[in-house]
Amino acid sequence: MIWIGQKGRVYVDIDDVIRRLQISAQVEIRPLEFSRVLDLRRYTAVTKMHDRLIVAEGAAQGASLITSDEEITTASLVSCVW
């Protein structure tokens, strides 16, 4: 979201988005743990580093990812919903 706003593709009030995420009961903001970084070695079917981080965190949390990213869904490393 921050990247999209900085690129100027759409107007995004980043401070408002962050505030809403922080108070939302449906969102959990988690730190990037070193163990998760080490997990990246297991998810080589996903080539983009940021996507691999998302897959690793999803797998560690037992969460389904909301994505239509073809590489992530084809890899079948985590459950995906779209």
N, C-alpha and C. Protein backbone atom coordinates (compact mmCIF):
# COMPACT_ATOMS: atom_id res chain seq x y z
N MET A 1 0.82 -1.18 0.00
CA MET A 1 0.00 0.00 0.00
C MET A 1 0.88 1.25 0.00
N ILE A 2 1.90 1.26 0.83
CA ILE A 2 2.80 2.41 0.89
C ILE A 2 3.47 2.60 -0.47
N TRP A 3 3.93 1.51 -1.07
CA TRP A 3 4.60 1.56 -2.36
C TRP A 3 3.69 2.14 -3.43
N ILE A 4 2.44 1.69 -3.45
CA ILE A 4 1.47 2.17 -4.45
C ILE A 4 1.26 3.68 -4.28
N GLY A 5 1.12 4.11 -3.04
CA GLY A 5 0.94 5.54 -2.79
C GLY A 5 2.15 6.35 -3.18
N GLN A 6 3.34 5.85 -2.90
CA GLN A 6 4.56 6.57 -3.24
C GLN A 6 4.78 6.63 -4.74
N LYS A 7 4.34 5.63 -5.46
CA LYS A 7 4.47 5.62 -6.91
C LYS A 7 3.49 6.58 -7.57
N GLY A 8 2.51 7.05 -6.80
CA GLY A 8 1.55 8.01 -7.33
C GLY A 8 0.47 7.38 -8.19
N ARG A 9 0.33 6.08 -8.14
CA ARG A 9 -0.69 5.41 -8.95
C ARG A 9 -2.09 5.71 -8.44
N VAL A 10 -2.23 5.82 -7.12
CA VAL A 10 -3.49 6.20 -6.49
C VAL A 10 -3.15 7.04 -5.27
N TYR A 11 -4.10 7.87 -4.84
CA TYR A 11 -3.88 8.63 -3.62
C TYR A 11 -4.21 7.73 -2.44
N VAL A 12 -3.30 7.62 -1.50
CA VAL A 12 -3.51 6.82 -0.30
C VAL A 12 -3.04 7.65 0.89
N ASP A 13 -3.93 7.82 1.87
CA ASP A 13 -3.55 8.46 3.12
C ASP A 13 -2.92 7.38 3.99
N ILE A 14 -1.61 7.21 3.87
CA ILE A 14 -0.89 6.13 4.53
C ILE A 14 -1.10 6.15 6.04
N ASP A 15 -1.05 7.33 6.64
CA ASP A 15 -1.23 7.42 8.09
C ASP A 15 -2.60 6.90 8.51
N ASP A 16 -3.63 7.22 7.72
CA ASP A 16 -4.97 6.74 8.03
C ASP A 16 -5.05 5.22 7.86
N VAL A 17 -4.45 4.69 6.82
CA VAL A 17 -4.45 3.23 6.59
C VAL A 17 -3.76 2.52 7.76
N ILE A 18 -2.61 3.02 8.17
CA ILE A 18 -1.87 2.41 9.28
C ILE A 18 -2.69 2.46 10.56
N ARG A 19 -3.31 3.60 10.84
CA ARG A 19 -4.14 3.74 12.04
C ARG A 19 -5.29 2.73 12.03
N ARG A 20 -5.94 2.59 10.90
CA ARG A 20 -7.07 1.66 10.79
C ARG A 20 -6.61 0.21 10.96
N LEU A 21 -5.45 -0.13 10.39
CA LEU A 21 -4.93 -1.48 10.55
C LEU A 21 -4.59 -1.78 12.01
N GLN A 22 -4.01 -0.80 12.69
CA GLN A 22 -3.61 -1.00 14.08
C GLN A 22 -4.79 -1.23 15.01
N ILE A 23 -5.94 -0.66 14.72
CA ILE A 23 -7.09 -0.81 15.61
C ILE A 23 -8.05 -1.91 15.16
N SER A 24 -7.82 -2.48 13.99
CA SER A 24 -8.71 -3.50 13.46
C SER A 24 -8.57 -4.83 14.21
N ALA A 25 -9.70 -5.41 14.57
CA ALA A 25 -9.70 -6.72 15.23
C ALA A 25 -9.39 -7.84 14.24
N GLN A 26 -9.52 -7.56 12.95
CA GLN A 26 -9.29 -8.58 11.93
C GLN A 26 -7.85 -8.63 11.43
N VAL A 27 -7.02 -7.72 11.89
CA VAL A 27 -5.64 -7.64 11.40
C VAL A 27 -4.68 -7.82 12.56
N GLU A 28 -3.69 -8.67 12.35
CA GLU A 28 -2.63 -8.84 13.34
C GLU A 28 -1.32 -8.45 12.68
N ILE A 29 -0.68 -7.44 13.21
CA ILE A 29 0.60 -6.97 12.68
C ILE A 29 1.69 -7.70 13.44
N ARG A 30 2.52 -8.42 12.69
CA ARG A 30 3.53 -9.27 13.31
C ARG A 30 4.93 -8.82 12.86
N PRO A 31 5.90 -8.94 13.75
CA PRO A 31 7.28 -8.62 13.35
C PRO A 31 7.85 -9.73 12.48
N LEU A 32 8.82 -9.38 11.68
CA LEU A 32 9.52 -10.38 10.88
C LEU A 32 10.57 -11.05 11.78
N GLU A 33 10.36 -12.32 12.05
CA GLU A 33 11.28 -13.06 12.91
C GLU A 33 12.40 -13.69 12.09
N PHE A 34 13.56 -13.81 12.69
CA PHE A 34 14.71 -14.38 12.00
C PHE A 34 14.43 -15.82 11.56
N SER A 35 13.68 -16.55 12.37
CA SER A 35 13.35 -17.93 12.00
C SER A 35 12.55 -17.97 10.70
N ARG A 36 11.72 -16.95 10.47
CA ARG A 36 10.95 -16.90 9.24
C ARG A 36 11.87 -16.64 8.04
N VAL A 37 12.87 -15.80 8.26
CA VAL A 37 13.85 -15.54 7.20
C VAL A 37 14.55 -16.85 6.82
N LEU A 38 14.91 -17.63 7.81
CA LEU A 38 15.56 -18.92 7.55
C LEU A 38 14.62 -19.87 6.80
N ASP A 39 13.32 -19.77 7.07
CA ASP A 39 12.33 -20.61 6.39
C ASP A 39 12.30 -20.35 4.89
N LEU A 40 12.77 -19.21 4.44
CA LEU A 40 12.73 -18.87 3.01
C LEU A 40 13.44 -19.91 2.16
N ARG A 41 14.41 -20.59 2.74
CA ARG A 41 15.14 -21.62 1.99
C ARG A 41 14.25 -22.76 1.56
N ARG A 42 13.13 -22.98 2.24
CA ARG A 42 12.24 -24.10 1.92
C ARG A 42 11.24 -23.79 0.83
N TYR A 43 11.08 -22.53 0.48
CA TYR A 43 10.00 -22.14 -0.43
C TYR A 43 10.53 -21.65 -1.77
N THR A 44 11.45 -22.39 -2.35
CA THR A 44 12.11 -21.97 -3.59
C THR A 44 11.19 -21.99 -4.81
N ALA A 45 10.03 -22.62 -4.70
CA ALA A 45 9.08 -22.61 -5.82
C ALA A 45 8.50 -21.21 -6.02
N VAL A 46 8.65 -20.36 -5.02
CA VAL A 46 8.21 -18.97 -5.13
C VAL A 46 9.46 -18.13 -5.31
N THR A 47 9.58 -17.47 -6.46
CA THR A 47 10.86 -16.83 -6.81
C THR A 47 11.04 -15.42 -6.27
N LYS A 48 9.96 -14.68 -6.06
CA LYS A 48 10.10 -13.31 -5.57
C LYS A 48 10.22 -13.32 -4.04
N MET A 49 11.23 -12.62 -3.56
CA MET A 49 11.53 -12.64 -2.13
C MET A 49 10.34 -12.20 -1.28
N HIS A 50 9.67 -11.12 -1.66
CA HIS A 50 8.56 -10.64 -0.84
C HIS A 50 7.41 -11.64 -0.84
N ASP A 51 7.16 -12.30 -1.97
CA ASP A 51 6.12 -13.33 -2.02
C ASP A 51 6.51 -14.53 -1.16
N ARG A 52 7.79 -14.86 -1.18
CA ARG A 52 8.27 -15.99 -0.38
C ARG A 52 8.10 -15.71 1.11
N LEU A 53 8.32 -14.46 1.53
CA LEU A 53 8.09 -14.08 2.93
C LEU A 53 6.63 -14.25 3.31
N ILE A 54 5.74 -13.87 2.42
CA ILE A 54 4.30 -14.00 2.67
C ILE A 54 3.93 -15.47 2.79
N VAL A 55 4.44 -16.29 1.89
CA VAL A 55 4.17 -17.74 1.93
C VAL A 55 4.72 -18.35 3.21
N ALA A 56 5.94 -17.99 3.59
CA ALA A 56 6.56 -18.53 4.80
C ALA A 56 5.75 -18.17 6.04
N GLU A 57 5.30 -16.94 6.13
CA GLU A 57 4.51 -16.52 7.29
C GLU A 57 3.15 -17.22 7.29
N GLY A 58 2.53 -17.30 6.13
CA GLY A 58 1.25 -18.00 6.04
C GLY A 58 1.36 -19.45 6.46
N ALA A 59 2.41 -20.11 6.01
CA ALA A 59 2.62 -21.52 6.36
C ALA A 59 2.87 -21.66 7.87
N ALA A 60 3.67 -20.77 8.43
CA ALA A 60 3.98 -20.83 9.86
C ALA A 60 2.74 -20.60 10.72
N GLN A 61 1.84 -19.76 10.25
CA GLN A 61 0.63 -19.44 11.00
C GLN A 61 -0.53 -20.39 10.69
N GLY A 62 -0.34 -21.26 9.68
CA GLY A 62 -1.43 -22.14 9.28
C GLY A 62 -2.58 -21.37 8.66
N ALA A 63 -2.24 -20.26 8.02
CA ALA A 63 -3.25 -19.36 7.47
C ALA A 63 -3.45 -19.60 5.98
N SER A 64 -4.63 -19.27 5.51
CA SER A 64 -4.89 -19.25 4.07
C SER A 64 -4.56 -17.85 3.56
N LEU A 65 -3.94 -17.78 2.40
CA LEU A 65 -3.61 -16.49 1.81
C LEU A 65 -4.71 -16.07 0.85
N ILE A 66 -5.05 -14.81 0.87
CA ILE A 66 -6.00 -14.26 -0.09
C ILE A 66 -5.17 -13.71 -1.23
N THR A 67 -5.06 -14.50 -2.30
CA THR A 67 -4.22 -14.11 -3.43
C THR A 67 -4.66 -14.80 -4.71
N SER A 68 -4.40 -14.13 -5.81
CA SER A 68 -4.60 -14.76 -7.12
C SER A 68 -3.25 -14.88 -7.83
N ASP A 69 -2.17 -14.63 -7.08
CA ASP A 69 -0.83 -14.74 -7.65
C ASP A 69 -0.61 -16.16 -8.16
N GLU A 70 -0.38 -16.29 -9.45
CA GLU A 70 -0.28 -17.61 -10.07
C GLU A 70 0.88 -18.43 -9.53
N GLU A 71 2.00 -17.79 -9.30
CA GLU A 71 3.16 -18.54 -8.79
C GLU A 71 2.89 -19.10 -7.38
N ILE A 72 2.27 -18.29 -6.54
CA ILE A 72 1.96 -18.74 -5.17
C ILE A 72 0.93 -19.85 -5.20
N THR A 73 -0.13 -19.69 -5.97
CA THR A 73 -1.19 -20.71 -5.99
C THR A 73 -0.71 -22.00 -6.64
N THR A 74 0.09 -21.91 -7.68
CA THR A 74 0.59 -23.08 -8.37
C THR A 74 1.57 -23.86 -7.51
N ALA A 75 2.33 -23.17 -6.67
CA ALA A 75 3.32 -23.83 -5.82
C ALA A 75 2.66 -24.76 -4.79
N SER A 76 1.41 -24.49 -4.44
CA SER A 76 0.65 -25.31 -3.48
C SER A 76 1.38 -25.49 -2.15
N LEU A 77 2.03 -24.46 -1.68
CA LEU A 77 2.76 -24.52 -0.40
C LEU A 77 1.87 -24.11 0.77
N VAL A 78 0.87 -23.30 0.48
CA VAL A 78 -0.11 -22.86 1.47
C VAL A 78 -1.48 -22.84 0.83
N SER A 79 -2.49 -22.87 1.65
CA SER A 79 -3.85 -22.77 1.14
C SER A 79 -4.08 -21.34 0.63
N CYS A 80 -4.71 -21.24 -0.54
CA CYS A 80 -4.98 -19.92 -1.12
C CYS A 80 -6.46 -19.78 -1.42
N VAL A 81 -6.97 -18.59 -1.18
CA VAL A 81 -8.37 -18.27 -1.43
C VAL A 81 -8.43 -17.09 -2.38
N TRP A 82 -9.23 -17.24 -3.44
CA TRP A 82 -9.48 -16.09 -4.32
C TRP A 82 -10.70 -16.34 -5.12
